[in-house]
N, C-alpha and C. Protein backbone atom coordinates (compact mmCIF):
# COMPACT_ATOMS: atom_id res chain seq x y z
N MET A 1 0.83 -1.19 0.00
CA MET A 1 0.00 0.00 0.00
C MET A 1 0.87 1.25 0.00
N GLN A 2 0.46 2.23 -0.76
CA GLN A 2 1.20 3.47 -0.89
C GLN A 2 1.09 4.32 0.38
N ASP A 3 2.18 5.02 0.73
CA ASP A 3 2.14 5.92 1.87
C ASP A 3 1.16 7.05 1.60
N LYS A 4 0.71 7.67 2.68
CA LYS A 4 -0.19 8.81 2.53
C LYS A 4 0.55 9.98 1.88
N VAL A 5 -0.20 10.73 1.09
CA VAL A 5 0.31 11.96 0.49
C VAL A 5 0.04 13.09 1.48
N ILE A 6 1.09 13.81 1.85
CA ILE A 6 0.97 14.90 2.81
C ILE A 6 0.63 16.19 2.05
N VAL A 7 -0.53 16.75 2.36
CA VAL A 7 -1.02 17.97 1.72
C VAL A 7 -1.08 19.07 2.78
N LEU A 8 -0.51 20.22 2.45
CA LEU A 8 -0.63 21.39 3.32
C LEU A 8 -1.59 22.36 2.63
N LEU A 9 -2.69 22.66 3.30
CA LEU A 9 -3.68 23.61 2.80
C LEU A 9 -3.55 24.90 3.59
N ILE A 10 -3.25 26.00 2.89
CA ILE A 10 -3.11 27.30 3.54
C ILE A 10 -4.25 28.18 3.06
N ASP A 11 -5.20 28.43 3.95
CA ASP A 11 -6.40 29.19 3.62
C ASP A 11 -6.95 29.79 4.90
N ASP A 12 -7.30 31.07 4.88
CA ASP A 12 -7.80 31.74 6.09
C ASP A 12 -9.24 31.38 6.43
N GLN A 13 -9.96 30.71 5.53
CA GLN A 13 -11.33 30.31 5.80
C GLN A 13 -11.32 28.92 6.44
N LYS A 14 -11.46 28.88 7.76
CA LYS A 14 -11.33 27.63 8.51
C LYS A 14 -12.38 26.59 8.11
N ASP A 15 -13.60 27.03 7.83
CA ASP A 15 -14.65 26.09 7.40
C ASP A 15 -14.27 25.45 6.07
N TYR A 16 -13.72 26.24 5.17
CA TYR A 16 -13.30 25.72 3.87
C TYR A 16 -12.17 24.70 4.06
N CYS A 17 -11.22 25.03 4.91
CA CYS A 17 -10.12 24.08 5.21
C CYS A 17 -10.67 22.76 5.73
N PHE A 18 -11.61 22.85 6.64
CA PHE A 18 -12.20 21.65 7.23
C PHE A 18 -12.87 20.80 6.15
N LEU A 19 -13.69 21.45 5.31
CA LEU A 19 -14.42 20.71 4.27
C LEU A 19 -13.47 20.06 3.26
N ILE A 20 -12.52 20.82 2.76
CA ILE A 20 -11.58 20.28 1.77
C ILE A 20 -10.75 19.16 2.40
N SER A 21 -10.32 19.35 3.63
CA SER A 21 -9.55 18.33 4.33
C SER A 21 -10.33 17.03 4.45
N ARG A 22 -11.58 17.13 4.88
CA ARG A 22 -12.42 15.92 5.02
C ARG A 22 -12.67 15.25 3.69
N HIS A 23 -12.98 16.04 2.68
CA HIS A 23 -13.27 15.47 1.37
C HIS A 23 -12.05 14.78 0.77
N LEU A 24 -10.90 15.45 0.81
CA LEU A 24 -9.69 14.86 0.24
C LEU A 24 -9.30 13.58 0.99
N SER A 25 -9.42 13.62 2.31
CA SER A 25 -9.06 12.44 3.10
C SER A 25 -10.00 11.27 2.83
N SER A 26 -11.26 11.57 2.52
CA SER A 26 -12.22 10.50 2.30
C SER A 26 -12.15 9.89 0.91
N ILE A 27 -11.70 10.66 -0.09
CA ILE A 27 -11.70 10.13 -1.45
C ILE A 27 -10.33 9.65 -1.91
N SER A 28 -9.30 9.94 -1.16
CA SER A 28 -7.96 9.51 -1.57
C SER A 28 -7.06 9.32 -0.37
N ASN A 29 -5.86 8.91 -0.64
CA ASN A 29 -4.89 8.59 0.40
C ASN A 29 -4.12 9.85 0.82
N PHE A 30 -4.86 10.91 1.18
CA PHE A 30 -4.26 12.19 1.55
C PHE A 30 -4.36 12.44 3.04
N GLU A 31 -3.30 12.98 3.59
CA GLU A 31 -3.30 13.47 4.97
C GLU A 31 -3.16 14.98 4.87
N VAL A 32 -4.21 15.70 5.23
CA VAL A 32 -4.25 17.15 5.04
C VAL A 32 -4.01 17.87 6.36
N THR A 33 -3.08 18.81 6.33
CA THR A 33 -2.81 19.70 7.46
C THR A 33 -3.17 21.10 7.00
N CYS A 34 -3.84 21.86 7.87
CA CYS A 34 -4.30 23.21 7.50
C CYS A 34 -3.54 24.28 8.28
N ALA A 35 -3.32 25.39 7.61
CA ALA A 35 -2.78 26.59 8.23
C ALA A 35 -3.71 27.73 7.84
N SER A 36 -4.03 28.60 8.80
CA SER A 36 -5.00 29.66 8.52
C SER A 36 -4.36 31.01 8.20
N THR A 37 -3.04 31.08 8.25
CA THR A 37 -2.34 32.31 7.85
C THR A 37 -1.14 31.94 6.99
N GLY A 38 -0.72 32.90 6.19
CA GLY A 38 0.47 32.67 5.36
C GLY A 38 1.70 32.41 6.20
N LYS A 39 1.83 33.14 7.29
CA LYS A 39 2.99 32.98 8.19
C LYS A 39 3.02 31.57 8.78
N ASP A 40 1.87 31.09 9.27
CA ASP A 40 1.79 29.73 9.82
C ASP A 40 2.05 28.69 8.73
N GLY A 41 1.54 28.97 7.54
CA GLY A 41 1.75 28.06 6.42
C GLY A 41 3.23 27.91 6.07
N LEU A 42 3.96 29.00 6.08
CA LEU A 42 5.40 28.93 5.80
C LEU A 42 6.13 28.10 6.86
N LYS A 43 5.78 28.32 8.12
CA LYS A 43 6.39 27.54 9.21
C LYS A 43 6.09 26.06 9.05
N LEU A 44 4.81 25.74 8.80
CA LEU A 44 4.40 24.34 8.65
C LEU A 44 5.07 23.69 7.44
N ALA A 45 5.20 24.42 6.36
CA ALA A 45 5.83 23.87 5.16
C ALA A 45 7.26 23.41 5.47
N LYS A 46 7.98 24.18 6.24
CA LYS A 46 9.35 23.81 6.62
C LYS A 46 9.37 22.66 7.61
N HIS A 47 8.36 22.62 8.48
CA HIS A 47 8.32 21.62 9.55
C HIS A 47 7.86 20.25 9.06
N ILE A 48 6.78 20.20 8.27
CA ILE A 48 6.22 18.90 7.88
C ILE A 48 6.67 18.43 6.50
N ASN A 49 7.30 19.33 5.72
CA ASN A 49 7.77 18.99 4.38
C ASN A 49 6.69 18.25 3.57
N PRO A 50 5.59 18.95 3.25
CA PRO A 50 4.48 18.31 2.55
C PRO A 50 4.86 17.90 1.13
N ASP A 51 4.08 16.97 0.58
CA ASP A 51 4.29 16.56 -0.81
C ASP A 51 3.78 17.63 -1.76
N ILE A 52 2.76 18.36 -1.33
CA ILE A 52 2.16 19.42 -2.15
C ILE A 52 1.48 20.44 -1.24
N ILE A 53 1.39 21.68 -1.73
CA ILE A 53 0.74 22.76 -0.98
C ILE A 53 -0.41 23.31 -1.82
N ILE A 54 -1.56 23.49 -1.17
CA ILE A 54 -2.70 24.17 -1.79
C ILE A 54 -2.79 25.52 -1.09
N LEU A 55 -2.72 26.58 -1.86
CA LEU A 55 -2.53 27.92 -1.30
C LEU A 55 -3.59 28.89 -1.80
N ASP A 56 -4.33 29.48 -0.86
CA ASP A 56 -5.31 30.51 -1.20
C ASP A 56 -4.58 31.80 -1.56
N VAL A 57 -5.15 32.56 -2.50
CA VAL A 57 -4.53 33.81 -2.92
C VAL A 57 -4.84 34.93 -1.93
N LYS A 58 -6.12 35.14 -1.61
CA LYS A 58 -6.50 36.27 -0.77
C LYS A 58 -6.56 35.87 0.69
N MET A 59 -5.59 36.37 1.45
CA MET A 59 -5.54 36.14 2.89
C MET A 59 -5.03 37.41 3.55
N PRO A 60 -5.45 37.67 4.80
CA PRO A 60 -4.91 38.82 5.52
C PRO A 60 -3.45 38.58 5.86
N GLY A 61 -2.71 39.65 6.07
CA GLY A 61 -1.28 39.51 6.35
C GLY A 61 -0.57 39.15 5.06
N LEU A 62 0.17 38.05 5.08
CA LEU A 62 0.84 37.58 3.86
C LEU A 62 -0.20 36.98 2.92
N ASP A 63 -0.31 37.50 1.71
CA ASP A 63 -1.25 36.90 0.77
C ASP A 63 -0.59 35.70 0.08
N GLY A 64 -1.36 34.99 -0.71
CA GLY A 64 -0.85 33.78 -1.35
C GLY A 64 0.35 34.01 -2.25
N PHE A 65 0.38 35.15 -2.94
CA PHE A 65 1.52 35.45 -3.80
C PHE A 65 2.80 35.64 -2.99
N GLN A 66 2.68 36.33 -1.85
CA GLN A 66 3.84 36.54 -0.98
C GLN A 66 4.32 35.21 -0.40
N VAL A 67 3.37 34.34 -0.03
CA VAL A 67 3.73 33.03 0.50
C VAL A 67 4.42 32.20 -0.59
N LEU A 68 3.84 32.19 -1.79
CA LEU A 68 4.43 31.44 -2.89
C LEU A 68 5.85 31.92 -3.18
N GLU A 69 6.04 33.22 -3.20
CA GLU A 69 7.38 33.78 -3.44
C GLU A 69 8.36 33.33 -2.36
N ALA A 70 7.93 33.38 -1.11
CA ALA A 70 8.80 32.95 0.00
C ALA A 70 9.11 31.45 -0.10
N LEU A 71 8.12 30.63 -0.47
CA LEU A 71 8.34 29.19 -0.61
C LEU A 71 9.38 28.90 -1.68
N LYS A 72 9.31 29.62 -2.79
CA LYS A 72 10.20 29.36 -3.91
C LYS A 72 11.59 29.95 -3.72
N LYS A 73 11.76 30.81 -2.72
CA LYS A 73 13.08 31.38 -2.41
C LYS A 73 13.82 30.59 -1.33
N ASP A 74 13.13 29.66 -0.67
CA ASP A 74 13.71 28.92 0.44
C ASP A 74 14.17 27.54 -0.04
N ASP A 75 15.40 27.18 0.24
CA ASP A 75 15.95 25.89 -0.19
C ASP A 75 15.15 24.70 0.34
N LYS A 76 14.54 24.84 1.52
CA LYS A 76 13.78 23.74 2.12
C LYS A 76 12.44 23.51 1.44
N THR A 77 11.89 24.54 0.79
CA THR A 77 10.54 24.44 0.24
C THR A 77 10.46 24.68 -1.27
N VAL A 78 11.55 25.01 -1.90
CA VAL A 78 11.54 25.40 -3.32
C VAL A 78 10.97 24.32 -4.23
N SER A 79 11.19 23.06 -3.90
CA SER A 79 10.76 21.99 -4.80
C SER A 79 9.35 21.45 -4.50
N ILE A 80 8.68 21.99 -3.50
CA ILE A 80 7.32 21.54 -3.18
C ILE A 80 6.36 22.15 -4.20
N PRO A 81 5.60 21.31 -4.92
CA PRO A 81 4.63 21.86 -5.87
C PRO A 81 3.51 22.61 -5.15
N VAL A 82 3.01 23.66 -5.81
CA VAL A 82 1.98 24.51 -5.21
C VAL A 82 0.81 24.66 -6.18
N ILE A 83 -0.39 24.42 -5.66
CA ILE A 83 -1.63 24.70 -6.38
C ILE A 83 -2.21 25.97 -5.79
N MET A 84 -2.37 26.99 -6.62
CA MET A 84 -3.01 28.22 -6.16
C MET A 84 -4.52 28.03 -6.28
N LEU A 85 -5.24 28.45 -5.25
CA LEU A 85 -6.68 28.28 -5.19
C LEU A 85 -7.28 29.63 -4.83
N SER A 86 -8.17 30.14 -5.67
CA SER A 86 -8.66 31.48 -5.40
C SER A 86 -10.07 31.70 -5.90
N GLY A 87 -10.74 32.64 -5.30
CA GLY A 87 -12.02 33.11 -5.79
C GLY A 87 -11.84 34.06 -6.96
N LEU A 88 -10.61 34.47 -7.22
CA LEU A 88 -10.31 35.37 -8.33
C LEU A 88 -10.10 34.59 -9.61
N ASP A 89 -11.02 34.70 -10.55
CA ASP A 89 -10.83 34.09 -11.86
C ASP A 89 -10.33 35.22 -12.76
N ASP A 90 -9.06 35.51 -12.63
CA ASP A 90 -8.47 36.71 -13.20
C ASP A 90 -7.17 36.34 -13.92
N ASP A 91 -7.06 36.76 -15.18
CA ASP A 91 -5.87 36.43 -15.96
C ASP A 91 -4.60 37.02 -15.37
N GLN A 92 -4.68 38.22 -14.79
CA GLN A 92 -3.50 38.84 -14.18
C GLN A 92 -3.02 38.02 -12.98
N ALA A 93 -3.96 37.54 -12.17
CA ALA A 93 -3.61 36.73 -11.00
C ALA A 93 -2.99 35.41 -11.46
N ARG A 94 -3.55 34.80 -12.50
CA ARG A 94 -3.00 33.55 -13.05
C ARG A 94 -1.57 33.76 -13.54
N LEU A 95 -1.34 34.86 -14.25
CA LEU A 95 -0.02 35.17 -14.79
C LEU A 95 0.98 35.41 -13.66
N LYS A 96 0.56 36.15 -12.65
CA LYS A 96 1.45 36.42 -11.51
C LYS A 96 1.83 35.12 -10.81
N ALA A 97 0.85 34.24 -10.60
CA ALA A 97 1.13 32.95 -9.96
C ALA A 97 2.07 32.12 -10.82
N SER A 98 1.85 32.14 -12.11
CA SER A 98 2.69 31.38 -13.04
C SER A 98 4.14 31.88 -13.00
N LYS A 99 4.32 33.18 -12.94
CA LYS A 99 5.67 33.75 -12.89
C LYS A 99 6.39 33.38 -11.59
N LEU A 100 5.60 33.11 -10.54
CA LEU A 100 6.17 32.71 -9.26
C LEU A 100 6.28 31.19 -9.14
N TYR A 101 6.01 30.49 -10.23
CA TYR A 101 6.20 29.04 -10.33
C TYR A 101 5.19 28.21 -9.55
N ASP A 102 3.91 28.52 -9.73
CA ASP A 102 2.89 27.60 -9.22
C ASP A 102 2.70 26.49 -10.27
N GLU A 103 2.12 25.39 -9.87
CA GLU A 103 1.88 24.29 -10.80
C GLU A 103 0.57 24.48 -11.56
N VAL A 104 -0.45 24.94 -10.85
CA VAL A 104 -1.76 25.15 -11.46
C VAL A 104 -2.52 26.17 -10.63
N TYR A 105 -3.43 26.88 -11.28
CA TYR A 105 -4.26 27.89 -10.62
C TYR A 105 -5.71 27.46 -10.79
N LEU A 106 -6.39 27.16 -9.70
CA LEU A 106 -7.79 26.74 -9.75
C LEU A 106 -8.66 27.80 -9.09
N THR A 107 -9.89 27.90 -9.58
CA THR A 107 -10.82 28.88 -9.06
C THR A 107 -11.83 28.22 -8.12
N LYS A 108 -12.07 28.85 -6.97
CA LYS A 108 -13.07 28.39 -6.01
C LYS A 108 -14.46 28.67 -6.56
N PRO A 109 -15.45 27.90 -6.25
CA PRO A 109 -15.35 26.66 -5.51
C PRO A 109 -14.81 25.56 -6.42
N VAL A 110 -13.94 24.73 -5.85
CA VAL A 110 -13.36 23.63 -6.61
C VAL A 110 -13.94 22.32 -6.11
N ASP A 111 -14.24 21.44 -7.03
CA ASP A 111 -14.74 20.12 -6.68
C ASP A 111 -13.61 19.28 -6.09
N SER A 112 -13.89 18.58 -5.01
CA SER A 112 -12.86 17.77 -4.33
C SER A 112 -12.26 16.72 -5.25
N HIS A 113 -13.09 16.14 -6.11
CA HIS A 113 -12.58 15.11 -7.03
C HIS A 113 -11.64 15.73 -8.06
N GLN A 114 -11.98 16.95 -8.53
CA GLN A 114 -11.11 17.66 -9.47
C GLN A 114 -9.78 18.01 -8.80
N LEU A 115 -9.86 18.47 -7.56
CA LEU A 115 -8.65 18.83 -6.82
C LEU A 115 -7.79 17.59 -6.58
N SER A 116 -8.41 16.50 -6.19
CA SER A 116 -7.69 15.25 -5.99
C SER A 116 -7.01 14.80 -7.27
N ALA A 117 -7.71 14.90 -8.39
CA ALA A 117 -7.14 14.50 -9.68
C ALA A 117 -5.94 15.37 -10.04
N LYS A 118 -6.03 16.67 -9.78
CA LYS A 118 -4.91 17.59 -10.07
C LYS A 118 -3.70 17.26 -9.20
N ILE A 119 -3.94 16.97 -7.93
CA ILE A 119 -2.85 16.61 -7.02
C ILE A 119 -2.16 15.36 -7.54
N LYS A 120 -2.94 14.35 -7.90
CA LYS A 120 -2.37 13.10 -8.40
C LYS A 120 -1.61 13.32 -9.71
N GLU A 121 -2.15 14.17 -10.58
CA GLU A 121 -1.49 14.48 -11.84
C GLU A 121 -0.12 15.14 -11.60
N ILE A 122 -0.10 16.14 -10.71
CA ILE A 122 1.13 16.87 -10.43
C ILE A 122 2.18 15.96 -9.80
N LEU A 123 1.74 15.07 -8.90
CA LEU A 123 2.66 14.19 -8.19
C LEU A 123 2.90 12.86 -8.93
N ASN A 124 2.32 12.72 -10.12
CA ASN A 124 2.44 11.50 -10.92
C ASN A 124 2.03 10.26 -10.15
N ILE A 125 0.86 10.35 -9.52
CA ILE A 125 0.31 9.23 -8.77
C ILE A 125 -0.78 8.59 -9.62
N VAL A 126 -0.69 7.28 -9.75
CA VAL A 126 -1.70 6.57 -10.56
C VAL A 126 -2.91 6.25 -9.72
């Protein structure tokens, strides 16, 4: 049996974190850890070394772009793939995320099965 995939979800909406965490855990072999601020997310990323990060764009304090930039500048987190998740369906936001080396940009609300499929695709999991 395959080991669990460690997912770090960074989103300031705690209810959304709870729902996505439960859904991903129930439909696939994912272990989801949530952080409700960009600062906490950066700390957790270094501490738990997740297989993938799902990152909200709009958050108070450090926004998703600032977190993504910090992740990609740190030797400990540079190689962790990042899925940007946002309520903004905006070409400028997509371009900015792409320039900061995200893997994919998805718009909320996202279906759990679609998100699971994207995670598996990025991590080359069959």
